[in-house]
Amino acid sequence: VQLQASGGGSVQARGSLKLSCAARGMITSVFWGSRMAWYRQPPGKQRELVAELTSDGNTNYQDAVKGRFTISKNNSRKSVYLQMNSLEPEDTAVYYCNIIEGSRHYWGQGTQVTVSS
């Protein structure tokens, strides 16, 4: 299985972007029901969890993005999304989608988001 992330770009502060992560390959129902998440890595910093969608359908967000970001998925399109509103310069980072099936991690290739003030 491969994850293909897209939707990044440059935007001014208070703007919006929607990231997409499409799963390609042999996608089982177990895989698609696994925990899904978006991480980001700001310049010069470590990768951090931004949002997750648990296997039982709950969502969790990093405090800094609560109320601004929304994680969701589309089962028919086998895609995971991150809607980002009211973007701030501090949101500038490379964003990665992630799916954990059992002990195995699947990562997308990363998509750059740049927010200017």
C-alpha atoms as a PDB file:
ATOM      1  CA  VAL A   1       0.000   0.000   0.000  1.00  0.00           C
ATOM      2  CA  GLN A   2       1.174   3.513  -0.814  1.00  0.00           C
ATOM      3  CA  LEU A   3      -0.091   6.818   0.503  1.00  0.00           C
ATOM      4  CA  GLN A   4      -0.015   9.819  -1.830  1.00  0.00           C
ATOM      5  CA  ALA A   5      -0.379  13.201  -0.182  1.00  0.00           C
ATOM      6  CA  SER A   6      -1.342  16.372  -2.009  1.00  0.00           C
ATOM      7  CA  GLY A   7      -2.892  19.776  -1.488  1.00  0.00           C
ATOM      8  CA  GLY A   8      -0.057  21.708   0.060  1.00  0.00           C
ATOM      9  CA  GLY A   9       0.951  25.142  -1.100  1.00  0.00           C
ATOM     10  CA  SER A  10       1.552  28.747  -0.109  1.00  0.00           C
ATOM     11  CA  VAL A  11      -1.181  30.779   1.509  1.00  0.00           C
ATOM     12  CA  GLN A  12      -1.485  33.987   3.470  1.00  0.00           C
ATOM     13  CA  ALA A  13      -2.343  34.019   7.140  1.00  0.00           C
ATOM     14  CA  ARG A  14      -6.034  33.362   7.884  1.00  0.00           C
ATOM     15  CA  GLY A  15      -6.329  31.419   4.654  1.00  0.00           C
ATOM     16  CA  SER A  16      -7.356  27.783   4.190  1.00  0.00           C
ATOM     17  CA  LEU A  17      -5.980  24.656   2.597  1.00  0.00           C
ATOM     18  CA  LYS A  18      -7.241  21.098   2.341  1.00  0.00           C
ATOM     19  CA  LEU A  19      -4.721  18.282   2.310  1.00  0.00           C
ATOM     20  CA  SER A  20      -5.573  14.928   0.787  1.00  0.00           C
ATOM     21  CA  CYS A  21      -3.984  11.525   1.239  1.00  0.00           C
ATOM     22  CA  ALA A  22      -5.010   8.786  -1.158  1.00  0.00           C
ATOM     23  CA  ALA A  23      -4.316   5.139  -0.412  1.00  0.00           C
ATOM     24  CA  ARG A  24      -3.282   3.022  -3.389  1.00  0.00           C
ATOM     25  CA  GLY A  25      -2.748  -0.717  -3.647  1.00  0.00           C
ATOM     26  CA  MET A  26      -4.193  -3.717  -1.863  1.00  0.00           C
ATOM     27  CA  ILE A  27      -6.427  -1.997   0.687  1.00  0.00           C
ATOM     28  CA  THR A  28      -8.137  -4.345   3.083  1.00  0.00           C
ATOM     29  CA  SER A  29     -11.041  -3.467   5.349  1.00  0.00           C
ATOM     30  CA  VAL A  30      -8.720  -3.942   8.322  1.00  0.00           C
ATOM     31  CA  PHE A  31      -6.244  -1.477   6.863  1.00  0.00           C
ATOM     32  CA  TRP A  32      -8.914   1.083   6.097  1.00  0.00           C
ATOM     33  CA  GLY A  33     -10.335   0.787   9.599  1.00  0.00           C
ATOM     34  CA  SER A  34      -6.967   1.494  11.184  1.00  0.00           C
ATOM     35  CA  ARG A  35      -5.855   4.627  12.982  1.00  0.00           C
ATOM     36  CA  MET A  36      -5.160   7.489  10.564  1.00  0.00           C
ATOM     37  CA  ALA A  37      -3.295  10.670  11.301  1.00  0.00           C
ATOM     38  CA  TRP A  38      -1.602  13.767   9.984  1.00  0.00           C
ATOM     39  CA  TYR A  39       1.812  14.802  11.271  1.00  0.00           C
ATOM     40  CA  ARG A  40       3.896  17.834  10.462  1.00  0.00           C
ATOM     41  CA  GLN A  41       7.532  18.803  10.666  1.00  0.00           C
ATOM     42  CA  PRO A  42       8.196  22.530  10.990  1.00  0.00           C
ATOM     43  CA  PRO A  43      11.557  23.854   9.782  1.00  0.00           C
ATOM     44  CA  GLY A  44      14.333  22.830  12.157  1.00  0.00           C
ATOM     45  CA  LYS A  45      11.975  20.899  14.427  1.00  0.00           C
ATOM     46  CA  GLN A  46      10.920  17.319  14.985  1.00  0.00           C
ATOM     47  CA  ARG A  47       7.867  15.721  13.453  1.00  0.00           C
ATOM     48  CA  GLU A  48       4.749  16.184  15.566  1.00  0.00           C
ATOM     49  CA  LEU A  49       1.252  14.798  15.630  1.00  0.00           C
ATOM     50  CA  VAL A  50      -1.362  17.238  14.352  1.00  0.00           C
ATOM     51  CA  ALA A  51      -4.574  15.228  14.190  1.00  0.00           C
ATOM     52  CA  GLU A  52      -5.685  11.633  14.407  1.00  0.00           C
ATOM     53  CA  LEU A  53      -8.764   9.626  13.546  1.00  0.00           C
ATOM     54  CA  THR A  54      -8.873   6.527  15.711  1.00  0.00           C
ATOM     55  CA  SER A  55     -10.110   3.119  14.621  1.00  0.00           C
ATOM     56  CA  ASP A  56     -13.334   3.661  16.571  1.00  0.00           C
ATOM     57  CA  GLY A  57     -14.014   6.988  14.888  1.00  0.00           C
ATOM     58  CA  ASN A  58     -12.807   9.446  17.499  1.00  0.00           C
ATOM     59  CA  THR A  59     -10.728  12.458  16.589  1.00  0.00           C
ATOM     60  CA  ASN A  60      -7.911  14.077  18.535  1.00  0.00           C
ATOM     61  CA  TYR A  61      -6.043  17.268  17.786  1.00  0.00           C
ATOM     62  CA  GLN A  62      -2.911  19.036  18.893  1.00  0.00           C
ATOM     63  CA  ASP A  63      -3.918  21.958  21.106  1.00  0.00           C
ATOM     64  CA  ALA A  64      -2.475  24.490  18.662  1.00  0.00           C
ATOM     65  CA  VAL A  65      -4.846  23.433  15.875  1.00  0.00           C
ATOM     66  CA  LYS A  66      -8.046  22.688  17.786  1.00  0.00           C
ATOM     67  CA  GLY A  67     -10.991  24.491  16.297  1.00  0.00           C
ATOM     68  CA  ARG A  68      -9.066  25.248  13.093  1.00  0.00           C
ATOM     69  CA  PHE A  69      -8.192  21.851  11.604  1.00  0.00           C
ATOM     70  CA  THR A  70     -10.487  18.907  10.847  1.00  0.00           C
ATOM     71  CA  ILE A  71      -9.443  15.371   9.963  1.00  0.00           C
ATOM     72  CA  SER A  72     -11.835  13.199   7.979  1.00  0.00           C
ATOM     73  CA  LYS A  73     -11.898  10.309   5.549  1.00  0.00           C
ATOM     74  CA  ASN A  74     -13.848   9.225   2.499  1.00  0.00           C
ATOM     75  CA  ASN A  75     -14.342   5.475   2.397  1.00  0.00           C
ATOM     76  CA  SER A  76     -15.316   5.253  -1.268  1.00  0.00           C
ATOM     77  CA  ARG A  77     -12.305   7.290  -2.384  1.00  0.00           C
ATOM     78  CA  LYS A  78      -9.955   5.662   0.157  1.00  0.00           C
ATOM     79  CA  SER A  79      -8.706   9.096   1.091  1.00  0.00           C
ATOM     80  CA  VAL A  80      -7.940  10.932   4.307  1.00  0.00           C
ATOM     81  CA  TYR A  81      -8.220  14.699   4.516  1.00  0.00           C
ATOM     82  CA  LEU A  82      -7.024  17.540   6.678  1.00  0.00           C
ATOM     83  CA  GLN A  83      -9.055  20.719   6.336  1.00  0.00           C
ATOM     84  CA  MET A  84      -7.001  23.615   7.653  1.00  0.00           C
ATOM     85  CA  ASN A  85      -8.666  26.958   8.313  1.00  0.00           C
ATOM     86  CA  SER A  86      -7.418  30.200   9.846  1.00  0.00           C
ATOM     87  CA  LEU A  87      -3.864  29.243   9.009  1.00  0.00           C
ATOM     88  CA  GLU A  88      -1.047  30.926  10.871  1.00  0.00           C
ATOM     89  CA  PRO A  89       2.650  31.311  10.002  1.00  0.00           C
ATOM     90  CA  GLU A  90       3.376  28.812  12.795  1.00  0.00           C
ATOM     91  CA  ASP A  91       1.543  26.171  10.735  1.00  0.00           C
ATOM     92  CA  THR A  92       4.322  26.273   8.143  1.00  0.00           C
ATOM     93  CA  ALA A  93       5.688  22.733   7.852  1.00  0.00           C
ATOM     94  CA  VAL A  94       5.878  19.616   5.752  1.00  0.00           C
ATOM     95  CA  TYR A  95       2.721  17.632   6.410  1.00  0.00           C
ATOM     96  CA  TYR A  96       2.649  13.820   6.347  1.00  0.00           C
ATOM     97  CA  CYS A  97      -0.265  11.422   6.392  1.00  0.00           C
ATOM     98  CA  ASN A  98       0.100   8.244   8.381  1.00  0.00           C
ATOM     99  CA  ILE A  99      -1.835   5.009   8.803  1.00  0.00           C
ATOM    100  CA  ILE A 100      -0.969   2.411  11.434  1.00  0.00           C
ATOM    101  CA  GLU A 101      -2.117  -1.149  10.783  1.00  0.00           C
ATOM    102  CA  GLY A 102      -1.098  -3.311  13.704  1.00  0.00           C
ATOM    103  CA  SER A 103       2.581  -2.580  14.214  1.00  0.00           C
ATOM    104  CA  ARG A 104       3.208  -1.324  10.697  1.00  0.00           C
ATOM    105  CA  HIS A 105       3.359   2.387   9.838  1.00  0.00           C
ATOM    106  CA  TYR A 106       2.536   3.702   6.401  1.00  0.00           C
ATOM    107  CA  TRP A 107       3.638   7.228   5.494  1.00  0.00           C
ATOM    108  CA  GLY A 108       2.830   9.569   2.651  1.00  0.00           C
ATOM    109  CA  GLN A 109       5.634  11.459   0.958  1.00  0.00           C
ATOM    110  CA  GLY A 110       4.936  14.804   2.627  1.00  0.00           C
ATOM    111  CA  THR A 111       3.442  17.984   1.260  1.00  0.00           C
ATOM    112  CA  GLN A 112       4.753  21.481   2.004  1.00  0.00           C
ATOM    113  CA  VAL A 113       2.497  24.084   3.565  1.00  0.00           C
ATOM    114  CA  THR A 114       3.819  27.637   3.785  1.00  0.00           C
ATOM    115  CA  VAL A 115       1.842  30.358   5.533  1.00  0.00           C
ATOM    116  CA  SER A 116       2.972  33.957   5.158  1.00  0.00           C
ATOM    117  CA  SER A 117       2.012  36.809   7.447  1.00  0.00           C
END
